[in-house]
C-alpha cells in the first residue's frame, strides 16, 4: 500500500518540479522603467544621452557631463495585470498588487577636472510578480511568483578628451524570490496542499560605458553590463499534506533547506542622441539581453524523501535572447519645463514550450509620457508608462490557454545639485 502511495505521490510531485522555474520567471525586466523618471519617460532610450545621475546604470560614461555633486532619487509604482482564459472559455485575473522599486544615485567630481565618481542603489531587474487565487484555475501551477532585485553600483567616469568619455563600475546584486502553488491531493481523498519556496542570494558583476560626441549636436553611447552568477539559499515547504501521505513526511508539514543557482544575463546597449534644434533631443537605443543563459535550473533539497519521489530536480527553461528597440523625445517648452515621451518594443525571451502562469510573458509595446521641472537647484521628474503586451496563446505540456497582459508604471525622481 505504501509503495502504491509513493508511486502516486511521485506523479503528484511532477507538478512541484515546475515550481522551480518560478524562481526567476519574472526576471525579464531589462526594459522596465524603474531606474529613473527621465529615462523612463523617453522609453528608456538613454544610453546616448545619459545626462543625469542614472547614467550609473544606463551608461556610466555619461557622468562626465555632470559637474559638482548631484543627487537623483525616486520610486516607481509597478502595477501588473494578467488575464488567463482556458480553451473552454473560463477565465480569471491576477490579484491587484503594487510593487515599488526605488532608486538612488549620487555623483561628484570632487573638484577633479576629468574624473567623476558615482554610487547607484537600484533594482536592476525590478520588483514584481503575479498573484493568482489559491482557489483559481491556475492554482496547481502557480499562485505566487515574485522577484526582488537590489544592486549597489560604485562607478568611475573619465573624460579622456572633450569628445570621448569612458565609464566603469562594479556592482553587487542581491535577489529575493518567492514561489507558491497548490497541490492536488484529491487522489488521496484530501483537500489541496501547498508548496512554497523562498530563496535569496547574490553575486558580483561589472558595467562599462562609452560616450562619444563626434559633433556638437550628436552623441553615440555604448554600454555593457556583465552577467552575474547568483547562488541562492532558502526554504522549501509542503503544507496540509494528505493524511495518507503524512507517514512519509513525518506529519502534515514538511520543511527543508534548498539551494539553487542562476546566471543573470549580459546586457549590451547602443544609443544615439541627436539635438536638431534648441531644446529638442531625439534618442534611439538598441539593446540585447542574453536570456539564453536561462537554459536549465537545479533545485537541490537538503532533506529528500526518496520514497515519495521528493528529491533534487532539473527543470528546462530554454529561454531565448531578447531584443529591445527604444525611441525617446525631449522638448523644453521653457528653460525650466520639459516634456518627454517614448516608445519601446520589448521582445519576450520566454518560449512557448516553457510559458506558464508564473510568467505569461509576451512581446510588448511600451508607451510613455513625462514632465520635468527645474526649480533652482532642484529637478522634479514624473512619468507614466503603459506596457501593452500582445495576446499570447500557448499549447504546451504545462497548460493550454490564452494570456492577456498589461502593466502600468507611475514614477517620479527628485534631483538636487549641491
Protein backbone atom coordinates (compact mmCIF):
# COMPACT_ATOMS: atom_id res chain seq x y z
CA UNK A 1 0.00 0.00 0.00
CA UNK A 2 2.78 2.44 0.92
CA UNK A 3 4.58 1.68 -2.34
CA UNK A 4 1.43 2.50 -4.26
CA UNK A 5 1.05 5.76 -2.36
CA UNK A 6 4.65 6.62 -3.07
CA UNK A 7 4.16 5.96 -6.78
CA UNK A 8 1.06 8.12 -6.88
CA UNK A 9 2.83 10.82 -4.91
CA UNK A 10 5.71 10.75 -7.36
CA UNK A 11 3.28 11.61 -10.13
CA UNK A 12 1.82 14.32 -7.91
CA UNK A 13 5.24 15.83 -7.30
CA UNK A 14 5.91 16.19 -11.01
CA UNK A 15 3.90 19.38 -10.70
CA UNK A 16 6.08 20.51 -7.81
CA UNK A 17 9.05 20.33 -10.16
CA UNK A 18 7.54 23.06 -12.31
CA UNK A 19 7.71 25.42 -9.36
CA UNK A 20 11.45 25.51 -9.59
CA UNK A 21 11.15 27.60 -12.72
CA UNK A 22 9.20 30.18 -10.75
CA UNK A 23 12.38 31.39 -9.11
CA UNK A 24 13.25 33.77 -11.90
CA UNK A 25 10.22 33.60 -14.15
CA UNK A 26 9.52 37.28 -13.64
CA UNK A 27 13.07 38.33 -14.29
CA UNK A 28 12.57 39.67 -17.84
CA UNK A 29 12.75 43.29 -16.73
CA UNK A 30 15.50 44.52 -18.99
CA UNK A 31 13.30 47.27 -20.43
CA UNK A 32 11.44 48.01 -17.23
CA UNK A 33 11.29 51.77 -16.47
CA UNK A 34 12.20 51.64 -12.78
CA UNK A 35 15.65 53.25 -12.83
CA UNK A 36 14.86 56.95 -13.16
CA UNK A 37 11.89 59.05 -14.31
CA UNK A 38 13.66 60.96 -17.09
CA UNK A 39 14.97 57.86 -18.85
CA UNK A 40 11.65 56.05 -18.29
CA UNK A 41 9.68 58.83 -19.97
CA UNK A 42 11.91 58.51 -23.04
CA UNK A 43 11.16 54.81 -23.40
CA UNK A 44 14.44 54.13 -21.53
CA UNK A 45 16.30 55.27 -24.68
CA UNK A 46 19.05 56.85 -22.59
CA UNK A 47 22.39 55.25 -23.50
CA UNK A 48 23.34 58.01 -25.95
CA UNK A 49 22.06 60.82 -23.71
CA UNK A 50 22.93 59.70 -20.16
CA UNK A 51 22.89 63.24 -18.76
CA UNK A 52 21.60 62.67 -15.24
CA UNK A 53 23.00 60.54 -12.37
CA UNK A 54 21.04 57.46 -13.50
CA UNK A 55 23.80 57.20 -16.12
CA UNK A 56 25.43 54.98 -13.48
CA UNK A 57 23.08 52.24 -14.69
CA UNK A 58 22.39 53.25 -18.31
CA UNK A 59 25.86 54.37 -19.41
CA UNK A 60 28.41 55.30 -16.72
CA UNK A 61 30.49 57.35 -19.18
CA UNK A 62 27.69 59.93 -19.17
CA UNK A 63 28.62 61.03 -15.65
CA UNK A 64 31.32 63.28 -17.09
CA UNK A 65 28.52 65.61 -18.27
CA UNK A 66 27.68 66.35 -14.62
CA UNK A 67 29.80 68.83 -12.73
CA UNK A 68 29.81 69.34 -8.98
CA UNK A 69 27.82 66.98 -6.75
CA UNK A 70 24.45 65.65 -7.88
CA UNK A 71 21.78 63.51 -6.27
CA UNK A 72 18.87 61.80 -8.05
CA UNK A 73 16.36 59.59 -6.22
CA UNK A 74 12.82 58.32 -6.55
CA UNK A 75 10.44 55.39 -6.76
CA UNK A 76 8.22 53.70 -9.34
CA UNK A 77 4.82 52.11 -8.76
CA UNK A 78 4.58 48.93 -10.87
CA UNK A 79 1.03 47.59 -11.38
CA UNK A 80 0.92 44.40 -13.48
CA UNK A 81 -2.23 42.55 -14.52
CA UNK A 82 -2.72 39.25 -16.36
CA UNK A 83 -5.91 37.58 -17.56
CA UNK A 84 -5.98 33.83 -18.14
CA UNK A 85 -8.54 32.16 -20.42
CA UNK A 86 -8.88 28.39 -20.74
CA UNK A 87 -9.76 26.58 -24.00
CA UNK A 88 -13.31 26.22 -22.63
CA UNK A 89 -13.65 29.96 -22.08
CA UNK A 90 -13.22 30.06 -18.30
CA UNK A 91 -11.10 33.00 -17.17
CA UNK A 92 -9.56 34.69 -14.17
CA UNK A 93 -7.23 37.61 -13.43
CA UNK A 94 -4.26 38.06 -11.17
CA UNK A 95 -4.82 39.78 -7.83
CA UNK A 96 -4.20 43.53 -7.70
CA UNK A 97 -0.71 44.34 -6.43
CA UNK A 98 1.51 47.41 -6.45
CA UNK A 99 5.29 46.99 -6.35
CA UNK A 100 7.59 49.92 -5.55
CA UNK A 101 11.24 49.60 -6.67
CA UNK A 102 13.32 52.61 -5.51
CA UNK A 103 16.42 54.22 -6.97
CA UNK A 104 19.15 56.48 -5.59
CA UNK A 105 22.16 57.89 -7.44
CA UNK A 106 24.89 60.24 -6.24
CA UNK A 107 27.76 61.61 -8.34
CA UNK A 108 30.57 64.08 -7.68
CA UNK A 109 33.68 65.32 -9.44
CA UNK A 110 35.31 66.23 -6.09
CA UNK A 111 36.81 69.26 -7.88
CA UNK A 112 38.69 66.98 -10.27
CA UNK A 113 38.81 68.18 -13.86
CA UNK A 114 38.21 64.97 -15.82
CA UNK A 115 37.03 62.40 -13.27
CA UNK A 116 33.56 61.85 -11.80
CA UNK A 117 32.73 59.24 -9.16
CA UNK A 118 29.27 57.85 -8.63
CA UNK A 119 27.25 55.44 -6.50
CA UNK A 120 23.95 53.89 -7.52
CA UNK A 121 21.47 51.84 -5.49
CA UNK A 122 18.66 50.48 -7.63
CA UNK A 123 16.63 47.45 -8.67
CA UNK A 124 18.24 46.25 -11.94
CA UNK A 125 15.60 43.64 -12.81
CA UNK A 126 12.77 45.30 -10.96
CA UNK A 127 10.46 44.21 -8.19
CA UNK A 128 7.35 42.41 -9.28
CA UNK A 129 5.41 39.24 -9.81
CA UNK A 130 1.98 37.73 -10.14
CA UNK A 131 -0.53 36.52 -7.58
CA UNK A 132 -3.23 34.07 -8.65
CA UNK A 133 -6.11 32.90 -6.46
CA UNK A 134 -5.44 29.83 -4.30
CA UNK A 135 -8.86 28.59 -5.44
CA UNK A 136 -8.46 29.58 -9.08
CA UNK A 137 -7.90 27.83 -12.38
CA UNK A 138 -4.10 28.11 -12.28
CA UNK A 139 -3.61 27.17 -8.64
CA UNK A 140 -1.84 23.86 -9.37
CA UNK A 141 0.77 25.68 -11.46
CA UNK A 142 1.27 28.99 -9.67
CA UNK A 143 -0.38 31.13 -7.01
CA UNK A 144 2.56 33.42 -6.36
CA UNK A 145 5.76 34.22 -8.21
CA UNK A 146 7.74 37.28 -7.13
CA UNK A 147 11.23 38.64 -7.55
CA UNK A 148 13.02 41.50 -5.80
CA UNK A 149 16.43 42.62 -7.01
CA UNK A 150 18.74 45.20 -5.47
CA UNK A 151 22.15 46.39 -6.64
CA UNK A 152 24.86 48.63 -5.21
CA UNK A 153 27.00 50.03 -8.04
CA UNK A 154 30.05 52.31 -7.43
CA UNK A 155 31.26 53.89 -10.67
CA UNK A 156 34.11 55.93 -12.13
CA UNK A 157 33.86 58.04 -15.28
CA UNK A 158 36.82 59.59 -17.11
CA UNK A 159 36.65 62.29 -19.76
CA UNK A 160 39.58 61.21 -21.91
CA UNK A 161 39.12 64.08 -24.37
CA UNK A 162 36.38 66.69 -24.79
CA UNK A 163 34.78 64.30 -27.29
CA UNK A 164 35.32 60.95 -25.55
CA UNK A 165 34.34 59.66 -22.11
CA UNK A 166 34.72 56.22 -20.55
CA UNK A 167 32.95 54.71 -17.56
CA UNK A 168 33.49 51.65 -15.40
CA UNK A 169 31.69 50.23 -12.39
CA UNK A 170 31.43 47.13 -10.24
CA UNK A 171 28.20 46.08 -8.62
CA UNK A 172 26.78 43.61 -6.17
CA UNK A 173 23.34 42.21 -6.98
CA UNK A 174 21.09 40.51 -4.43
CA UNK A 175 17.82 38.84 -5.33
CA UNK A 176 14.88 37.60 -3.27
CA UNK A 177 12.43 35.12 -4.80
CA UNK A 178 9.19 33.53 -3.68
CA UNK A 179 7.14 30.84 -5.41
CA UNK A 180 3.92 29.19 -4.27
CA UNK A 181 1.41 26.78 -5.77
CA UNK A 182 -1.35 24.49 -4.59
CA UNK A 183 -1.08 20.69 -4.81
CA UNK A 184 -3.94 18.46 -5.95
CA UNK A 185 -4.46 15.74 -3.32
CA UNK A 186 -7.87 14.57 -4.48
CA UNK A 187 -6.43 11.16 -5.39
CA UNK A 188 -5.83 10.70 -1.66
CA UNK A 189 -9.26 11.93 -0.62
CA UNK A 190 -7.87 15.17 0.80
CA UNK A 191 -8.04 18.89 0.05
CA UNK A 192 -5.31 20.88 -1.62
CA UNK A 193 -1.84 21.01 -0.15
CA UNK A 194 0.59 23.86 -0.71
CA UNK A 195 4.16 24.00 -1.97
CA UNK A 196 6.17 27.16 -1.24
CA UNK A 197 9.73 28.21 -1.81
CA UNK A 198 11.69 31.23 -0.57
CA UNK A 199 15.28 31.80 -1.62
CA UNK A 200 17.75 34.65 -1.81
CA UNK A 201 21.36 35.23 -2.66
CA UNK A 202 23.75 37.48 -4.54
CA UNK A 203 26.69 37.82 -6.86
CA UNK A 204 29.13 40.32 -8.38
CA UNK A 205 29.32 41.90 -11.82
CA UNK A 206 30.65 44.95 -13.64
CA UNK A 207 29.48 47.51 -16.18
CA UNK A 208 31.22 49.60 -18.85
CA UNK A 209 30.24 52.65 -20.85
CA UNK A 210 31.49 54.80 -23.73
CA UNK A 211 30.15 58.18 -24.77
CA UNK A 212 31.37 59.83 -27.98
CA UNK A 213 30.46 63.31 -29.26
CA UNK A 214 31.71 63.48 -32.86
CA UNK A 215 29.67 66.64 -33.44
CA UNK A 216 28.20 69.20 -31.08
CA UNK A 217 24.62 68.01 -31.57
CA UNK A 218 25.27 64.26 -31.84
CA UNK A 219 26.18 61.69 -29.15
CA UNK A 220 26.87 57.98 -29.53
CA UNK A 221 26.73 55.72 -26.49
CA UNK A 222 27.68 52.12 -25.79
CA UNK A 223 27.06 50.23 -22.55
CA UNK A 224 27.76 46.73 -21.33
CA UNK A 225 26.52 45.11 -18.14
CA UNK A 226 28.10 41.76 -17.31
CA UNK A 227 26.45 38.51 -16.33
CA UNK A 228 26.01 37.80 -12.63
CA UNK A 229 26.12 34.31 -11.14
CA UNK A 230 23.71 34.23 -8.21
CA UNK A 231 23.80 31.42 -5.63
CA UNK A 232 20.61 31.26 -3.62
CA UNK A 233 19.70 29.53 -0.37
CA UNK A 234 16.32 29.28 1.28
CA UNK A 235 13.48 27.05 2.40
CA UNK A 236 11.05 24.75 0.62
CA UNK A 237 7.89 23.74 2.45
CA UNK A 238 4.93 21.41 1.98
CA UNK A 239 1.78 22.22 3.97
CA UNK A 240 -1.52 20.43 4.57
CA UNK A 241 -0.10 17.10 3.45
CA UNK A 242 -2.82 14.48 2.99
CA UNK A 243 -3.22 12.09 5.98
CA UNK A 244 -2.39 9.11 3.75
CA UNK A 245 0.97 10.70 2.93
CA UNK A 246 1.91 12.01 6.34
CA UNK A 247 3.84 8.87 7.38
CA UNK A 248 6.25 9.55 4.53
CA UNK A 249 6.90 13.12 5.68
CA UNK A 250 6.52 12.76 9.41
CA UNK A 251 3.40 14.89 9.70
CA UNK A 252 1.15 17.33 7.89
CA UNK A 253 4.02 19.72 7.20
CA UNK A 254 7.48 19.21 5.79
CA UNK A 255 10.25 21.79 5.51
CA UNK A 256 13.79 21.60 4.20
CA UNK A 257 16.66 23.85 3.21
CA UNK A 258 17.11 24.35 -0.51
CA UNK A 259 19.86 25.68 -2.74
CA UNK A 260 19.86 26.78 -6.36
CA UNK A 261 21.86 29.00 -8.67
CA UNK A 262 21.17 31.06 -11.75
CA UNK A 263 23.17 33.27 -14.07
CA UNK A 264 21.58 36.61 -14.85
CA UNK A 265 22.34 37.80 -18.37
CA UNK A 266 24.70 40.22 -20.04
CA UNK A 267 23.10 43.37 -21.42
CA UNK A 268 24.61 45.15 -24.43
CA UNK A 269 23.20 48.56 -25.43
CA UNK A 270 23.89 51.05 -28.20
CA UNK A 271 22.32 54.50 -28.30
CA UNK A 272 22.21 57.72 -30.31
CA UNK A 273 21.12 61.15 -29.06
CA UNK A 274 20.61 63.94 -31.56
CA UNK A 275 19.76 67.59 -30.82
CA UNK A 276 18.50 69.09 -34.10
CA UNK A 277 17.24 72.31 -32.52
CA UNK A 278 17.48 74.24 -29.28
CA UNK A 279 15.60 72.41 -26.53
CA UNK A 280 14.85 69.34 -28.67
CA UNK A 281 16.51 65.92 -28.22
CA UNK A 282 15.80 62.72 -30.13
CA UNK A 283 17.08 59.40 -28.78
CA UNK A 284 17.29 55.88 -30.16
CA UNK A 285 18.57 52.72 -28.43
CA UNK A 286 19.00 49.09 -29.38
CA UNK A 287 19.52 46.58 -26.56
CA UNK A 288 20.37 42.88 -26.49
CA UNK A 289 19.90 40.73 -23.39
CA UNK A 290 21.37 37.24 -23.20
CA UNK A 291 18.43 35.46 -21.55
CA UNK A 292 19.56 32.23 -23.25
CA UNK A 293 21.61 31.74 -20.08
CA UNK A 294 18.28 30.64 -18.58
CA UNK A 295 18.68 27.15 -20.02
CA UNK A 296 18.24 24.84 -17.03
CA UNK A 297 17.98 25.19 -13.29
CA UNK A 298 18.59 22.71 -10.48
CA UNK A 299 16.75 22.73 -7.16
CA UNK A 300 18.84 20.97 -4.50
CA UNK A 301 16.86 19.88 -1.40
CA UNK A 302 18.90 19.24 1.73
CA UNK A 303 16.41 16.70 3.11
CA UNK A 304 14.99 14.44 0.45
CA UNK A 305 12.17 11.90 0.74
CA UNK A 306 13.03 9.30 -1.91
CA UNK A 307 10.09 7.06 -1.01
CA UNK A 308 7.76 9.87 -2.04
CA UNK A 309 9.75 10.95 -5.06
CA UNK A 310 10.75 14.18 -3.31
CA UNK A 311 14.33 14.71 -4.48
CA UNK A 312 16.53 17.13 -6.40
CA UNK A 313 15.02 18.26 -9.70
CA UNK A 314 16.25 19.64 -13.00
CA UNK A 315 13.92 21.88 -14.98
CA UNK A 316 14.38 23.05 -18.55
CA UNK A 317 13.73 26.77 -19.06
CA UNK A 318 15.19 27.19 -22.53
CA UNK A 319 14.75 30.98 -22.72
CA UNK A 320 15.81 32.96 -25.79
CA UNK A 321 17.95 36.04 -26.17
CA UNK A 322 15.95 39.26 -26.13
CA UNK A 323 15.99 42.39 -28.31
CA UNK A 324 14.62 45.80 -27.33
CA UNK A 325 14.19 48.82 -29.63
CA UNK A 326 13.58 52.20 -28.00
CA UNK A 327 12.77 55.74 -29.09
CA UNK A 328 12.64 58.88 -26.97
CA UNK A 329 11.91 62.58 -27.41
CA UNK A 330 12.57 65.52 -25.11
CA UNK A 331 11.44 69.10 -25.69
CA UNK A 332 11.92 72.09 -23.39
CA UNK A 333 8.89 74.38 -23.58
CA UNK A 334 10.85 76.86 -21.48
CA UNK A 335 14.17 76.98 -19.69
CA UNK A 336 12.68 75.14 -16.71
CA UNK A 337 9.89 72.94 -18.08
CA UNK A 338 10.34 69.89 -20.33
CA UNK A 339 8.01 67.36 -21.90
CA UNK A 340 9.20 63.88 -22.79
CA UNK A 341 7.69 60.88 -24.50
CA UNK A 342 8.93 57.49 -25.63
CA UNK A 343 8.20 54.12 -27.14
CA UNK A 344 9.89 50.74 -26.77
CA UNK A 345 9.32 47.37 -28.38
CA UNK A 346 10.23 44.62 -25.90
CA UNK A 347 10.65 41.11 -27.23
CA UNK A 348 9.69 38.27 -24.91
CA UNK A 349 12.51 35.83 -24.05
CA UNK A 350 10.12 33.06 -22.87
CA UNK A 351 9.41 30.37 -25.49
CA UNK A 352 6.00 28.79 -25.97
CA UNK A 353 7.00 25.40 -24.60
CA UNK A 354 8.02 26.71 -21.14
CA UNK A 355 5.49 29.54 -20.78
CA UNK A 356 3.45 29.23 -17.58
CA UNK A 357 1.12 31.29 -15.33
CA UNK A 358 4.20 32.21 -13.29
CA UNK A 359 5.49 34.23 -16.25
CA UNK A 360 2.95 34.55 -19.08
CA UNK A 361 5.32 36.87 -20.89
CA UNK A 362 4.69 38.22 -24.40
CA UNK A 363 6.10 40.75 -26.84
CA UNK A 364 5.18 44.19 -25.54
CA UNK A 365 4.80 47.78 -26.67
CA UNK A 366 5.72 50.44 -24.09
CA UNK A 367 4.32 53.96 -24.40
CA UNK A 368 5.43 56.69 -22.01
CA UNK A 369 4.97 60.38 -21.27
CA UNK A 370 6.56 62.61 -18.69
CA UNK A 371 7.17 66.11 -17.44
CA UNK A 372 10.28 67.65 -15.91
CA UNK A 373 10.62 70.89 -13.97
CA UNK A 374 13.65 72.73 -12.64
CA UNK A 375 13.33 74.85 -9.52
CA UNK A 376 16.67 76.44 -8.70
CA UNK A 377 18.98 73.56 -7.83
CA UNK A 378 16.07 71.11 -7.72
CA UNK A 379 14.75 68.89 -10.52
CA UNK A 380 11.37 67.16 -10.32
CA UNK A 381 10.62 64.44 -12.90
CA UNK A 382 7.44 62.41 -13.21
CA UNK A 383 6.24 59.86 -15.77
CA UNK A 384 3.61 57.32 -16.75
CA UNK A 385 4.16 54.27 -18.95
CA UNK A 386 1.73 51.67 -20.24
CA UNK A 387 3.15 48.30 -21.21
CA UNK A 388 0.69 46.63 -23.58
CA UNK A 389 1.51 43.03 -24.42
CA UNK A 390 0.25 41.07 -27.34
CA UNK A 391 -2.28 38.35 -26.55
CA UNK A 392 -0.48 35.04 -26.39
CA UNK A 393 -1.97 31.59 -26.95
CA UNK A 394 0.06 28.55 -25.95
CA UNK A 395 -0.40 24.82 -26.23
CA UNK A 396 2.30 23.12 -24.19
CA UNK A 397 2.77 20.41 -21.59
CA UNK A 398 2.20 22.95 -18.82
CA UNK A 399 -1.14 24.46 -19.81
CA UNK A 400 -3.22 25.23 -22.90
CA UNK A 401 -4.65 28.73 -22.70
CA UNK A 402 -4.50 32.38 -23.71
CA UNK A 403 -2.89 35.19 -21.70
CA UNK A 404 -3.53 38.92 -21.86
CA UNK A 405 -1.08 41.22 -20.06
CA UNK A 406 -0.94 44.90 -19.28
CA UNK A 407 1.24 46.80 -16.81
CA UNK A 408 1.18 50.38 -15.61
CA UNK A 409 4.22 52.28 -14.33
CA UNK A 410 3.93 55.57 -12.45
CA UNK A 411 7.09 57.11 -11.09
CA UNK A 412 8.97 60.18 -10.02
CA UNK A 413 12.53 61.25 -9.37
CA UNK A 414 13.86 64.25 -7.49
CA UNK A 415 17.29 65.65 -8.22
CA UNK A 416 19.44 68.19 -6.45
CA UNK A 417 22.73 69.82 -7.42
CA UNK A 418 24.93 70.71 -4.46
